[in-house]
Amino acid sequence: MTKISHKIARQDDLRSRAVAQLKGPAAQAHVETSNALRVLFELASSPSTAPNALALLHELQVHQVEVDIQDKELRRSRVELEASLNRQVQLYDHGPVGHFSVDGNAVLRELNSTGATLLGVERDLLRGRSFESFLTSEGVSTLRRLCSRVTEGSPTAFADLHLRAALGGVDRCVHASVCRDPEGDGFLIGLMGASETKAPPAS
């Protein structure tokens, strides 16, 4: 190989290495500053390759600006998503409807604050308990019928459920909706409009 051809090959190799480190789609996120500066130094050390060094330096600067812009956009998007998520959580938690997620045996998986208030138990103490334990015997039968209708293909089933009275309290009637839980094999239950159904026993 002649000196000229060797010099051209070296220049092409330097250019290829620089492009791979500074412009490659897979390498952009992992570019090492020391390697990039070394390649630029090698290019800048020769008058014949100095223009390439300047061009690549410009590309590196542009890429850095792009990364900075993307970082700012990602940070802004994250703030917006977190705000949106917090808003949705607030709507779910404090809406007028009690929401419950139960498995196929009516064991509580998740619920909102309104649901915990309806059942009269702290939210953290309800996960893992049977939802049916808060219903009258009539309410249990009604809930099972609703779940069966959903299992058989009905998108959503509606009925009134009777919540069992707490100690010294009264049974309550609530409007209930049941549908399939899209995230599993259980059901989503909505309750609202509680009203008393019988007076407490006389002392």
N, C-alpha and C. Protein backbone atom coordinates (compact mmCIF):
# COMPACT_ATOMS: atom_id res chain seq x y z
N MET A 1 0.85 -1.19 0.00
CA MET A 1 0.00 0.00 0.00
C MET A 1 0.89 1.24 0.00
N THR A 2 0.61 2.22 -0.86
CA THR A 2 1.40 3.44 -0.96
C THR A 2 1.10 4.34 0.23
N LYS A 3 2.02 5.34 0.43
CA LYS A 3 1.83 6.27 1.53
C LYS A 3 0.52 7.04 1.39
N ILE A 4 0.22 7.43 0.15
CA ILE A 4 -1.00 8.21 -0.09
C ILE A 4 -2.24 7.37 0.22
N SER A 5 -2.25 6.13 -0.31
CA SER A 5 -3.42 5.27 -0.09
C SER A 5 -3.56 4.93 1.40
N HIS A 6 -2.40 4.75 2.08
CA HIS A 6 -2.44 4.45 3.51
C HIS A 6 -3.01 5.64 4.28
N LYS A 7 -2.60 6.87 3.87
CA LYS A 7 -3.08 8.08 4.51
C LYS A 7 -4.58 8.25 4.32
N ILE A 8 -5.05 7.97 3.11
CA ILE A 8 -6.48 8.06 2.81
C ILE A 8 -7.27 7.04 3.63
N ALA A 9 -6.72 5.82 3.70
CA ALA A 9 -7.38 4.76 4.47
C ALA A 9 -7.46 5.14 5.94
N ARG A 10 -6.37 5.73 6.46
CA ARG A 10 -6.36 6.16 7.87
C ARG A 10 -7.40 7.24 8.10
N GLN A 11 -7.51 8.18 7.17
CA GLN A 11 -8.50 9.23 7.29
C GLN A 11 -9.91 8.66 7.29
N ASP A 12 -10.14 7.72 6.36
CA ASP A 12 -11.46 7.09 6.29
C ASP A 12 -11.77 6.33 7.57
N ASP A 13 -10.74 5.66 8.11
CA ASP A 13 -10.94 4.90 9.35
C ASP A 13 -11.28 5.83 10.51
N LEU A 14 -10.55 6.94 10.59
CA LEU A 14 -10.83 7.91 11.64
C LEU A 14 -12.26 8.46 11.52
N ARG A 15 -12.62 8.76 10.27
CA ARG A 15 -13.97 9.29 10.04
C ARG A 15 -15.03 8.27 10.45
N SER A 16 -14.80 7.01 10.09
CA SER A 16 -15.76 5.95 10.42
C SER A 16 -15.88 5.78 11.93
N ARG A 17 -14.74 5.80 12.61
CA ARG A 17 -14.75 5.65 14.06
C ARG A 17 -15.46 6.82 14.73
N ALA A 18 -15.19 7.99 14.21
CA ALA A 18 -15.82 9.18 14.77
C ALA A 18 -17.33 9.15 14.57
N VAL A 19 -17.74 8.80 13.37
CA VAL A 19 -19.17 8.72 13.07
C VAL A 19 -19.84 7.68 13.96
N ALA A 20 -19.16 6.53 14.13
CA ALA A 20 -19.72 5.47 14.96
C ALA A 20 -19.91 5.92 16.40
N GLN A 21 -18.95 6.73 16.89
CA GLN A 21 -19.03 7.17 18.27
C GLN A 21 -19.91 8.38 18.47
N LEU A 22 -19.96 9.26 17.47
CA LEU A 22 -20.68 10.51 17.65
C LEU A 22 -22.05 10.54 17.01
N LYS A 23 -22.30 9.67 16.03
CA LYS A 23 -23.56 9.75 15.30
C LYS A 23 -24.35 8.45 15.31
N GLY A 24 -23.72 7.35 15.63
CA GLY A 24 -24.41 6.06 15.54
C GLY A 24 -25.64 6.01 16.42
N PRO A 25 -26.78 5.56 15.91
CA PRO A 25 -28.03 5.53 16.69
C PRO A 25 -27.88 4.74 17.99
N ALA A 26 -27.18 3.60 17.94
CA ALA A 26 -27.05 2.79 19.14
C ALA A 26 -25.99 3.31 20.08
N ALA A 27 -25.05 4.11 19.54
CA ALA A 27 -23.93 4.58 20.37
C ALA A 27 -24.16 5.93 20.98
N GLN A 28 -25.16 6.67 20.52
CA GLN A 28 -25.36 8.04 20.99
C GLN A 28 -25.57 8.11 22.49
N ALA A 29 -26.31 7.18 23.02
CA ALA A 29 -26.62 7.22 24.44
C ALA A 29 -25.45 6.78 25.30
N HIS A 30 -24.44 6.16 24.68
CA HIS A 30 -23.34 5.60 25.46
C HIS A 30 -21.98 6.18 25.05
N VAL A 31 -21.98 7.31 24.36
CA VAL A 31 -20.73 7.87 23.89
C VAL A 31 -19.87 8.27 25.07
N GLU A 32 -18.56 7.93 25.04
CA GLU A 32 -17.63 8.27 26.10
C GLU A 32 -16.88 9.54 25.68
N THR A 33 -16.88 10.52 26.55
CA THR A 33 -16.27 11.80 26.23
C THR A 33 -14.79 11.66 25.89
N SER A 34 -14.09 10.82 26.66
CA SER A 34 -12.65 10.67 26.42
C SER A 34 -12.37 10.10 25.04
N ASN A 35 -13.16 9.11 24.60
CA ASN A 35 -12.97 8.53 23.27
C ASN A 35 -13.29 9.55 22.18
N ALA A 36 -14.38 10.29 22.38
CA ALA A 36 -14.77 11.29 21.38
C ALA A 36 -13.69 12.35 21.24
N LEU A 37 -13.17 12.83 22.38
CA LEU A 37 -12.13 13.85 22.32
C LEU A 37 -10.85 13.31 21.69
N ARG A 38 -10.56 12.05 21.95
CA ARG A 38 -9.34 11.45 21.38
C ARG A 38 -9.45 11.38 19.86
N VAL A 39 -10.61 10.95 19.36
CA VAL A 39 -10.82 10.87 17.92
C VAL A 39 -10.74 12.26 17.30
N LEU A 40 -11.36 13.25 17.93
CA LEU A 40 -11.31 14.61 17.42
C LEU A 40 -9.88 15.14 17.42
N PHE A 41 -9.12 14.81 18.46
CA PHE A 41 -7.73 15.25 18.52
C PHE A 41 -6.92 14.65 17.38
N GLU A 42 -7.16 13.37 17.10
CA GLU A 42 -6.43 12.71 16.01
C GLU A 42 -6.76 13.37 14.67
N LEU A 43 -8.05 13.69 14.48
CA LEU A 43 -8.45 14.34 13.24
C LEU A 43 -7.87 15.75 13.14
N ALA A 44 -7.87 16.46 14.26
CA ALA A 44 -7.40 17.84 14.25
C ALA A 44 -5.88 17.96 14.17
N SER A 45 -5.17 16.85 14.44
CA SER A 45 -3.70 16.90 14.45
C SER A 45 -3.11 17.01 13.06
N SER A 46 -3.90 16.73 12.04
CA SER A 46 -3.39 16.81 10.68
C SER A 46 -4.17 17.87 9.89
N PRO A 47 -3.48 18.71 9.17
CA PRO A 47 -4.18 19.73 8.37
C PRO A 47 -5.18 19.14 7.39
N SER A 48 -4.85 17.94 6.88
CA SER A 48 -5.74 17.34 5.88
C SER A 48 -7.05 16.85 6.48
N THR A 49 -7.04 16.54 7.79
CA THR A 49 -8.27 16.04 8.41
C THR A 49 -8.88 17.05 9.38
N ALA A 50 -8.25 18.22 9.53
CA ALA A 50 -8.77 19.23 10.44
C ALA A 50 -10.21 19.65 10.11
N PRO A 51 -10.56 19.82 8.81
CA PRO A 51 -11.96 20.17 8.51
C PRO A 51 -12.95 19.12 9.01
N ASN A 52 -12.51 17.82 8.90
CA ASN A 52 -13.38 16.77 9.42
C ASN A 52 -13.57 16.91 10.93
N ALA A 53 -12.50 17.28 11.63
CA ALA A 53 -12.59 17.46 13.08
C ALA A 53 -13.58 18.56 13.42
N LEU A 54 -13.51 19.66 12.68
CA LEU A 54 -14.43 20.76 12.94
C LEU A 54 -15.88 20.35 12.66
N ALA A 55 -16.05 19.59 11.57
CA ALA A 55 -17.40 19.13 11.22
C ALA A 55 -17.96 18.21 12.30
N LEU A 56 -17.09 17.28 12.78
CA LEU A 56 -17.55 16.35 13.80
C LEU A 56 -17.77 17.05 15.14
N LEU A 57 -16.95 18.04 15.43
CA LEU A 57 -17.15 18.81 16.65
C LEU A 57 -18.50 19.51 16.61
N HIS A 58 -18.82 20.06 15.45
CA HIS A 58 -20.13 20.71 15.30
C HIS A 58 -21.25 19.69 15.49
N GLU A 59 -21.08 18.49 14.90
CA GLU A 59 -22.10 17.45 15.04
C GLU A 59 -22.27 17.05 16.50
N LEU A 60 -21.13 16.96 17.21
CA LEU A 60 -21.19 16.61 18.62
C LEU A 60 -21.92 17.68 19.42
N GLN A 61 -21.65 18.94 19.10
CA GLN A 61 -22.32 20.03 19.79
C GLN A 61 -23.82 20.02 19.51
N VAL A 62 -24.16 19.77 18.24
CA VAL A 62 -25.58 19.70 17.88
C VAL A 62 -26.25 18.54 18.61
N HIS A 63 -25.54 17.41 18.65
CA HIS A 63 -26.09 16.25 19.35
C HIS A 63 -26.29 16.55 20.83
N GLN A 64 -25.34 17.27 21.44
CA GLN A 64 -25.48 17.61 22.85
C GLN A 64 -26.69 18.50 23.08
N VAL A 65 -26.90 19.45 22.17
CA VAL A 65 -28.07 20.32 22.28
C VAL A 65 -29.35 19.48 22.16
N GLU A 66 -29.35 18.53 21.21
CA GLU A 66 -30.52 17.67 21.04
C GLU A 66 -30.79 16.87 22.30
N VAL A 67 -29.72 16.32 22.90
CA VAL A 67 -29.87 15.56 24.14
C VAL A 67 -30.43 16.44 25.25
N ASP A 68 -29.92 17.68 25.35
CA ASP A 68 -30.41 18.60 26.37
C ASP A 68 -31.89 18.91 26.17
N ILE A 69 -32.28 19.13 24.91
CA ILE A 69 -33.69 19.42 24.61
C ILE A 69 -34.56 18.22 24.96
N GLN A 70 -34.10 17.02 24.56
CA GLN A 70 -34.87 15.81 24.87
C GLN A 70 -35.00 15.60 26.37
N ASP A 71 -33.90 15.90 27.10
CA ASP A 71 -33.94 15.75 28.56
C ASP A 71 -34.97 16.69 29.17
N LYS A 72 -35.00 17.93 28.70
CA LYS A 72 -35.97 18.90 29.22
C LYS A 72 -37.40 18.46 28.89
N GLU A 73 -37.59 17.96 27.66
CA GLU A 73 -38.93 17.50 27.26
C GLU A 73 -39.36 16.30 28.09
N LEU A 74 -38.43 15.38 28.34
CA LEU A 74 -38.75 14.21 29.15
C LEU A 74 -39.10 14.61 30.58
N ARG A 75 -38.33 15.56 31.12
CA ARG A 75 -38.61 16.03 32.48
C ARG A 75 -39.98 16.71 32.54
N ARG A 76 -40.29 17.52 31.54
CA ARG A 76 -41.59 18.20 31.51
C ARG A 76 -42.72 17.18 31.36
N SER A 77 -42.50 16.18 30.49
CA SER A 77 -43.52 15.14 30.29
C SER A 77 -43.74 14.36 31.58
N ARG A 78 -42.64 14.09 32.30
CA ARG A 78 -42.76 13.35 33.56
C ARG A 78 -43.58 14.14 34.57
N VAL A 79 -43.31 15.44 34.67
CA VAL A 79 -44.07 16.28 35.60
C VAL A 79 -45.55 16.28 35.23
N GLU A 80 -45.84 16.40 33.92
CA GLU A 80 -47.22 16.41 33.46
C GLU A 80 -47.91 15.08 33.72
N LEU A 81 -47.19 13.97 33.48
CA LEU A 81 -47.76 12.64 33.72
C LEU A 81 -48.02 12.41 35.20
N GLU A 82 -47.09 12.85 36.04
CA GLU A 82 -47.27 12.68 37.48
C GLU A 82 -48.46 13.50 37.98
N ALA A 83 -48.62 14.70 37.42
CA ALA A 83 -49.76 15.54 37.81
C ALA A 83 -51.07 14.90 37.35
N SER A 84 -51.06 14.35 36.13
CA SER A 84 -52.25 13.69 35.60
C SER A 84 -52.59 12.45 36.42
N LEU A 85 -51.56 11.66 36.75
CA LEU A 85 -51.77 10.46 37.55
C LEU A 85 -52.33 10.82 38.92
N ASN A 86 -51.76 11.86 39.53
CA ASN A 86 -52.24 12.28 40.85
C ASN A 86 -53.70 12.72 40.78
N ARG A 87 -54.04 13.41 39.69
CA ARG A 87 -55.43 13.85 39.51
C ARG A 87 -56.36 12.67 39.37
N GLN A 88 -55.95 11.65 38.60
CA GLN A 88 -56.79 10.47 38.42
C GLN A 88 -56.94 9.70 39.73
N VAL A 89 -55.86 9.62 40.50
CA VAL A 89 -55.93 8.94 41.80
C VAL A 89 -56.90 9.66 42.72
N GLN A 90 -56.85 11.02 42.72
CA GLN A 90 -57.76 11.78 43.55
C GLN A 90 -59.21 11.56 43.13
N LEU A 91 -59.45 11.54 41.82
CA LEU A 91 -60.80 11.30 41.32
C LEU A 91 -61.29 9.91 41.71
N TYR A 92 -60.40 8.91 41.57
CA TYR A 92 -60.77 7.53 41.92
C TYR A 92 -61.02 7.40 43.42
N ASP A 93 -60.13 8.00 44.21
CA ASP A 93 -60.20 7.82 45.65
C ASP A 93 -61.38 8.52 46.29
N HIS A 94 -61.70 9.72 45.82
CA HIS A 94 -62.68 10.54 46.51
C HIS A 94 -63.95 10.78 45.71
N GLY A 95 -64.16 9.98 44.66
CA GLY A 95 -65.39 10.10 43.89
C GLY A 95 -66.59 9.64 44.70
N PRO A 96 -67.80 9.88 44.21
CA PRO A 96 -69.01 9.53 44.96
C PRO A 96 -69.35 8.04 44.94
N VAL A 97 -68.60 7.26 44.19
CA VAL A 97 -68.88 5.83 44.06
C VAL A 97 -67.79 5.01 44.76
N GLY A 98 -68.20 4.00 45.52
CA GLY A 98 -67.24 3.09 46.12
C GLY A 98 -66.80 2.08 45.09
N HIS A 99 -65.50 2.00 44.83
CA HIS A 99 -64.97 1.08 43.82
C HIS A 99 -64.22 -0.06 44.52
N PHE A 100 -64.47 -1.29 44.06
CA PHE A 100 -63.83 -2.45 44.63
C PHE A 100 -63.35 -3.39 43.52
N SER A 101 -62.18 -3.95 43.70
CA SER A 101 -61.69 -5.01 42.81
C SER A 101 -61.60 -6.27 43.65
N VAL A 102 -62.29 -7.33 43.19
CA VAL A 102 -62.29 -8.60 43.94
C VAL A 102 -61.87 -9.73 43.01
N ASP A 103 -61.37 -10.81 43.59
CA ASP A 103 -61.03 -11.97 42.78
C ASP A 103 -62.27 -12.83 42.55
N GLY A 104 -62.10 -14.00 41.97
CA GLY A 104 -63.24 -14.84 41.65
C GLY A 104 -64.00 -15.34 42.85
N ASN A 105 -63.39 -15.25 44.04
CA ASN A 105 -64.05 -15.67 45.29
C ASN A 105 -64.52 -14.47 46.11
N ALA A 106 -64.56 -13.31 45.48
CA ALA A 106 -65.03 -12.08 46.12
C ALA A 106 -64.11 -11.60 47.23
N VAL A 107 -62.83 -11.96 47.17
CA VAL A 107 -61.86 -11.45 48.13
C VAL A 107 -61.35 -10.09 47.63
N LEU A 108 -61.33 -9.12 48.52
CA LEU A 108 -60.96 -7.76 48.14
C LEU A 108 -59.49 -7.65 47.77
N ARG A 109 -59.24 -7.09 46.57
CA ARG A 109 -57.88 -6.81 46.13
C ARG A 109 -57.54 -5.33 46.31
N GLU A 110 -58.39 -4.47 45.75
CA GLU A 110 -58.19 -3.04 45.83
C GLU A 110 -59.53 -2.35 46.06
N LEU A 111 -59.48 -1.15 46.64
CA LEU A 111 -60.69 -0.36 46.83
C LEU A 111 -60.28 1.09 47.03
N ASN A 112 -61.25 1.99 46.85
CA ASN A 112 -60.94 3.40 47.07
C ASN A 112 -61.42 3.84 48.44
N SER A 113 -61.13 5.09 48.78
CA SER A 113 -61.47 5.61 50.11
C SER A 113 -62.97 5.63 50.33
N THR A 114 -63.72 5.95 49.27
CA THR A 114 -65.19 5.96 49.39
C THR A 114 -65.71 4.57 49.71
N GLY A 115 -65.13 3.56 49.08
CA GLY A 115 -65.53 2.18 49.37
C GLY A 115 -65.25 1.78 50.80
N ALA A 116 -64.08 2.17 51.31
CA ALA A 116 -63.73 1.86 52.70
C ALA A 116 -64.72 2.52 53.65
N THR A 117 -65.12 3.77 53.33
CA THR A 117 -66.09 4.47 54.17
C THR A 117 -67.43 3.75 54.18
N LEU A 118 -67.85 3.25 53.02
CA LEU A 118 -69.11 2.52 52.94
C LEU A 118 -69.08 1.26 53.80
N LEU A 119 -67.93 0.60 53.83
CA LEU A 119 -67.82 -0.64 54.61
C LEU A 119 -67.51 -0.36 56.08
N GLY A 120 -67.10 0.86 56.39
CA GLY A 120 -66.86 1.22 57.77
C GLY A 120 -65.60 0.66 58.38
N VAL A 121 -64.60 0.36 57.53
CA VAL A 121 -63.34 -0.21 58.00
C VAL A 121 -62.19 0.54 57.32
N GLU A 122 -61.08 0.68 58.04
CA GLU A 122 -59.93 1.35 57.43
C GLU A 122 -59.48 0.61 56.18
N ARG A 123 -59.13 1.38 55.20
CA ARG A 123 -58.80 0.83 53.88
C ARG A 123 -57.71 -0.24 53.94
N ASP A 124 -56.64 0.04 54.68
CA ASP A 124 -55.51 -0.89 54.72
C ASP A 124 -55.87 -2.21 55.38
N LEU A 125 -56.96 -2.25 56.13
CA LEU A 125 -57.36 -3.47 56.81
C LEU A 125 -58.32 -4.32 55.98
N LEU A 126 -58.73 -3.81 54.81
CA LEU A 126 -59.75 -4.49 54.02
C LEU A 126 -59.18 -5.43 52.97
N ARG A 127 -57.98 -5.15 52.46
CA ARG A 127 -57.41 -6.01 51.42
C ARG A 127 -57.22 -7.43 51.96
N GLY A 128 -57.71 -8.39 51.20
CA GLY A 128 -57.60 -9.79 51.61
C GLY A 128 -58.82 -10.30 52.34
N ARG A 129 -59.75 -9.41 52.69
CA ARG A 129 -60.97 -9.85 53.36
C ARG A 129 -62.06 -10.15 52.33
N SER A 130 -63.02 -10.95 52.73
CA SER A 130 -64.12 -11.30 51.84
C SER A 130 -65.11 -10.15 51.74
N PHE A 131 -65.41 -9.73 50.52
CA PHE A 131 -66.40 -8.68 50.32
C PHE A 131 -67.77 -9.16 50.79
N GLU A 132 -68.03 -10.44 50.65
CA GLU A 132 -69.33 -10.99 51.04
C GLU A 132 -69.58 -10.89 52.54
N SER A 133 -68.50 -10.80 53.32
CA SER A 133 -68.68 -10.72 54.78
C SER A 133 -69.34 -9.41 55.19
N PHE A 134 -69.41 -8.45 54.27
CA PHE A 134 -70.04 -7.17 54.57
C PHE A 134 -71.47 -7.10 54.04
N LEU A 135 -71.96 -8.20 53.49
CA LEU A 135 -73.31 -8.25 52.92
C LEU A 135 -74.23 -9.11 53.77
N THR A 136 -75.51 -8.80 53.70
CA THR A 136 -76.50 -9.68 54.31
C THR A 136 -76.57 -10.96 53.48
N SER A 137 -77.23 -11.98 53.98
CA SER A 137 -77.36 -13.22 53.22
C SER A 137 -78.06 -12.97 51.89
N GLU A 138 -79.04 -12.07 51.90
CA GLU A 138 -79.70 -11.70 50.64
C GLU A 138 -78.73 -10.99 49.72
N GLY A 139 -77.89 -10.13 50.28
CA GLY A 139 -76.90 -9.41 49.48
C GLY A 139 -75.88 -10.34 48.86
N VAL A 140 -75.49 -11.39 49.60
CA VAL A 140 -74.54 -12.37 49.07
C VAL A 140 -75.14 -13.07 47.85
N SER A 141 -76.39 -13.48 47.97
CA SER A 141 -77.06 -14.16 46.85
C SER A 141 -77.17 -13.24 45.65
N THR A 142 -77.48 -11.97 45.90
CA THR A 142 -77.61 -11.02 44.79
C THR A 142 -76.27 -10.81 44.11
N LEU A 143 -75.20 -10.65 44.89
CA LEU A 143 -73.87 -10.43 44.31
C LEU A 143 -73.46 -11.63 43.46
N ARG A 144 -73.73 -12.82 43.93
CA ARG A 144 -73.34 -14.01 43.16
C ARG A 144 -74.11 -14.09 41.86
N ARG A 145 -75.37 -13.67 41.88
CA ARG A 145 -76.15 -13.65 40.64
C ARG A 145 -75.56 -12.64 39.65
N LEU A 146 -75.16 -11.49 40.16
CA LEU A 146 -74.57 -10.46 39.29
C LEU A 146 -73.27 -10.97 38.67
N CYS A 147 -72.43 -11.60 39.47
CA CYS A 147 -71.16 -12.13 38.96
C CYS A 147 -71.40 -13.23 37.93
N SER A 148 -72.41 -14.04 38.15
CA SER A 148 -72.74 -15.11 37.19
C SER A 148 -73.18 -14.52 35.87
N ARG A 149 -73.99 -13.46 35.93
CA ARG A 149 -74.44 -12.82 34.69
C ARG A 149 -73.27 -12.26 33.90
N VAL A 150 -72.30 -11.66 34.61
CA VAL A 150 -71.12 -11.12 33.94
C VAL A 150 -70.28 -12.25 33.36
N THR A 151 -70.12 -13.33 34.12
CA THR A 151 -69.35 -14.47 33.64
C THR A 151 -69.97 -15.07 32.39
N GLU A 152 -71.30 -15.02 32.32
CA GLU A 152 -72.01 -15.60 31.17
C GLU A 152 -72.03 -14.67 29.96
N GLY A 153 -71.45 -13.47 30.10
CA GLY A 153 -71.33 -12.60 28.93
C GLY A 153 -71.91 -11.22 29.03
N SER A 154 -72.64 -10.92 30.10
CA SER A 154 -73.20 -9.58 30.25
C SER A 154 -72.08 -8.59 30.54
N PRO A 155 -71.98 -7.47 29.81
CA PRO A 155 -70.89 -6.52 30.06
C PRO A 155 -70.93 -5.96 31.48
N THR A 156 -72.11 -5.58 31.93
CA THR A 156 -72.29 -5.03 33.28
C THR A 156 -73.65 -5.47 33.81
N ALA A 157 -73.68 -5.84 35.09
CA ALA A 157 -74.92 -6.25 35.73
C ALA A 157 -75.22 -5.29 36.88
N PHE A 158 -76.51 -4.94 37.05
CA PHE A 158 -76.92 -3.97 38.06
C PHE A 158 -77.97 -4.58 38.98
N ALA A 159 -77.94 -4.16 40.26
CA ALA A 159 -78.96 -4.58 41.23
C ALA A 159 -78.72 -3.81 42.52
N ASP A 160 -79.68 -3.90 43.44
CA ASP A 160 -79.50 -3.35 44.78
C ASP A 160 -78.89 -4.41 45.67
N LEU A 161 -77.89 -4.01 46.48
CA LEU A 161 -77.26 -4.92 47.44
C LEU A 161 -77.54 -4.43 48.84
N HIS A 162 -77.61 -5.36 49.78
CA HIS A 162 -77.83 -5.00 51.18
C HIS A 162 -76.56 -5.21 51.97
N LEU A 163 -76.02 -4.10 52.50
CA LEU A 163 -74.84 -4.17 53.36
C LEU A 163 -75.26 -4.53 54.77
N ARG A 164 -74.52 -5.44 55.37
CA ARG A 164 -74.82 -5.90 56.72
C ARG A 164 -74.58 -4.78 57.72
N ALA A 165 -75.44 -4.70 58.72
CA ALA A 165 -75.34 -3.65 59.71
C ALA A 165 -74.12 -3.87 60.60
N ALA A 166 -73.43 -2.76 60.92
CA ALA A 166 -72.38 -2.82 61.93
C ALA A 166 -73.04 -2.91 63.29
N LEU A 167 -72.23 -3.17 64.33
CA LEU A 167 -72.76 -3.33 65.67
C LEU A 167 -73.57 -2.10 66.07
N GLY A 168 -74.84 -2.33 66.41
CA GLY A 168 -75.70 -1.23 66.82
C GLY A 168 -76.23 -0.39 65.66
N GLY A 169 -75.91 -0.78 64.45
CA GLY A 169 -76.34 -0.01 63.29
C GLY A 169 -77.51 -0.65 62.58
N VAL A 170 -77.69 -0.29 61.33
CA VAL A 170 -78.79 -0.80 60.52
C VAL A 170 -78.26 -1.28 59.18
N ASP A 171 -78.98 -2.23 58.59
CA ASP A 171 -78.64 -2.65 57.24
C ASP A 171 -78.83 -1.48 56.29
N ARG A 172 -78.03 -1.48 55.21
CA ARG A 172 -78.14 -0.40 54.22
C ARG A 172 -78.27 -0.98 52.83
N CYS A 173 -79.06 -0.30 52.03
CA CYS A 173 -79.24 -0.71 50.64
C CYS A 173 -78.39 0.20 49.75
N VAL A 174 -77.63 -0.41 48.85
CA VAL A 174 -76.80 0.37 47.92
C VAL A 174 -77.07 -0.11 46.50
N HIS A 175 -76.90 0.80 45.56
CA HIS A 175 -77.02 0.45 44.15
C HIS A 175 -75.66 -0.10 43.70
N ALA A 176 -75.66 -1.27 43.10
CA ALA A 176 -74.40 -1.93 42.75
C ALA A 176 -74.31 -2.20 41.26
N SER A 177 -73.08 -2.10 40.74
CA SER A 177 -72.79 -2.53 39.37
C SER A 177 -71.59 -3.46 39.42
N VAL A 178 -71.63 -4.48 38.58
CA VAL A 178 -70.55 -5.46 38.53
C VAL A 178 -70.13 -5.67 37.09
N CYS A 179 -68.83 -5.66 36.83
CA CYS A 179 -68.32 -5.98 35.49
C CYS A 179 -67.03 -6.78 35.65
N ARG A 180 -66.55 -7.30 34.55
CA ARG A 180 -65.32 -8.09 34.57
C ARG A 180 -64.12 -7.19 34.78
N ASP A 181 -63.18 -7.65 35.59
CA ASP A 181 -61.92 -6.93 35.78
C ASP A 181 -61.04 -7.19 34.56
N PRO A 182 -60.73 -6.16 33.74
CA PRO A 182 -59.93 -6.40 32.53
C PRO A 182 -58.50 -6.83 32.83
N GLU A 183 -58.05 -6.64 34.07
CA GLU A 183 -56.67 -6.98 34.42
C GLU A 183 -56.53 -8.37 35.03
N GLY A 184 -57.62 -9.10 35.18
CA GLY A 184 -57.50 -10.42 35.81
C GLY A 184 -58.77 -11.24 35.67
N ASP A 185 -58.91 -12.23 36.55
CA ASP A 185 -60.05 -13.13 36.48
C ASP A 185 -61.14 -12.77 37.48
N GLY A 186 -61.05 -11.59 38.07
CA GLY A 186 -62.02 -11.19 39.07
C GLY A 186 -63.05 -10.22 38.53
N PHE A 187 -63.58 -9.38 39.43
CA PHE A 187 -64.67 -8.47 39.07
C PHE A 187 -64.40 -7.08 39.64
N LEU A 188 -65.00 -6.07 38.99
CA LEU A 188 -65.01 -4.71 39.50
C LEU A 188 -66.42 -4.41 39.98
N ILE A 189 -66.52 -3.92 41.21
CA ILE A 189 -67.82 -3.64 41.82
C ILE A 189 -67.90 -2.16 42.16
N GLY A 190 -69.01 -1.55 41.81
CA GLY A 190 -69.26 -0.17 42.18
C GLY A 190 -70.48 -0.07 43.07
N LEU A 191 -70.39 0.72 44.14
CA LEU A 191 -71.52 0.89 45.07
C LEU A 191 -71.77 2.37 45.28
N MET A 192 -73.06 2.74 45.32
CA MET A 192 -73.39 4.13 45.65
C MET A 192 -74.82 4.21 46.14
N GLY A 193 -75.15 5.32 46.81
CA GLY A 193 -76.52 5.59 47.24
C GLY A 193 -76.98 4.77 48.41
N ALA A 194 -76.16 4.68 49.49
CA ALA A 194 -76.55 3.89 50.65
C ALA A 194 -77.74 4.51 51.37
N SER A 195 -78.71 3.65 51.77
CA SER A 195 -79.85 4.11 52.56
C SER A 195 -80.25 3.02 53.53
N GLU A 196 -80.78 3.41 54.67
CA GLU A 196 -81.16 2.44 55.70
C GLU A 196 -82.34 1.59 55.25
N THR A 197 -82.31 0.31 55.65
CA THR A 197 -83.39 -0.59 55.25
C THR A 197 -84.17 -1.16 56.43
N LYS A 198 -83.64 -0.99 57.66
CA LYS A 198 -84.43 -1.42 58.82
C LYS A 198 -83.96 -0.67 60.05
N ALA A 199 -84.83 -0.52 60.98
CA ALA A 199 -84.48 0.20 62.21
C ALA A 199 -83.68 -0.70 63.13
N PRO A 200 -82.82 -0.12 63.96
CA PRO A 200 -82.06 -0.92 64.91
C PRO A 200 -82.97 -1.53 65.96
N PRO A 201 -82.59 -2.69 66.51
CA PRO A 201 -83.45 -3.34 67.51
C PRO A 201 -83.58 -2.49 68.77
N ALA A 202 -84.76 -2.54 69.38
CA ALA A 202 -85.00 -1.76 70.61
C ALA A 202 -84.19 -2.35 71.74
N SER A 203 -83.69 -1.50 72.62
CA SER A 203 -82.90 -1.96 73.76
C SER A 203 -83.79 -2.36 74.91
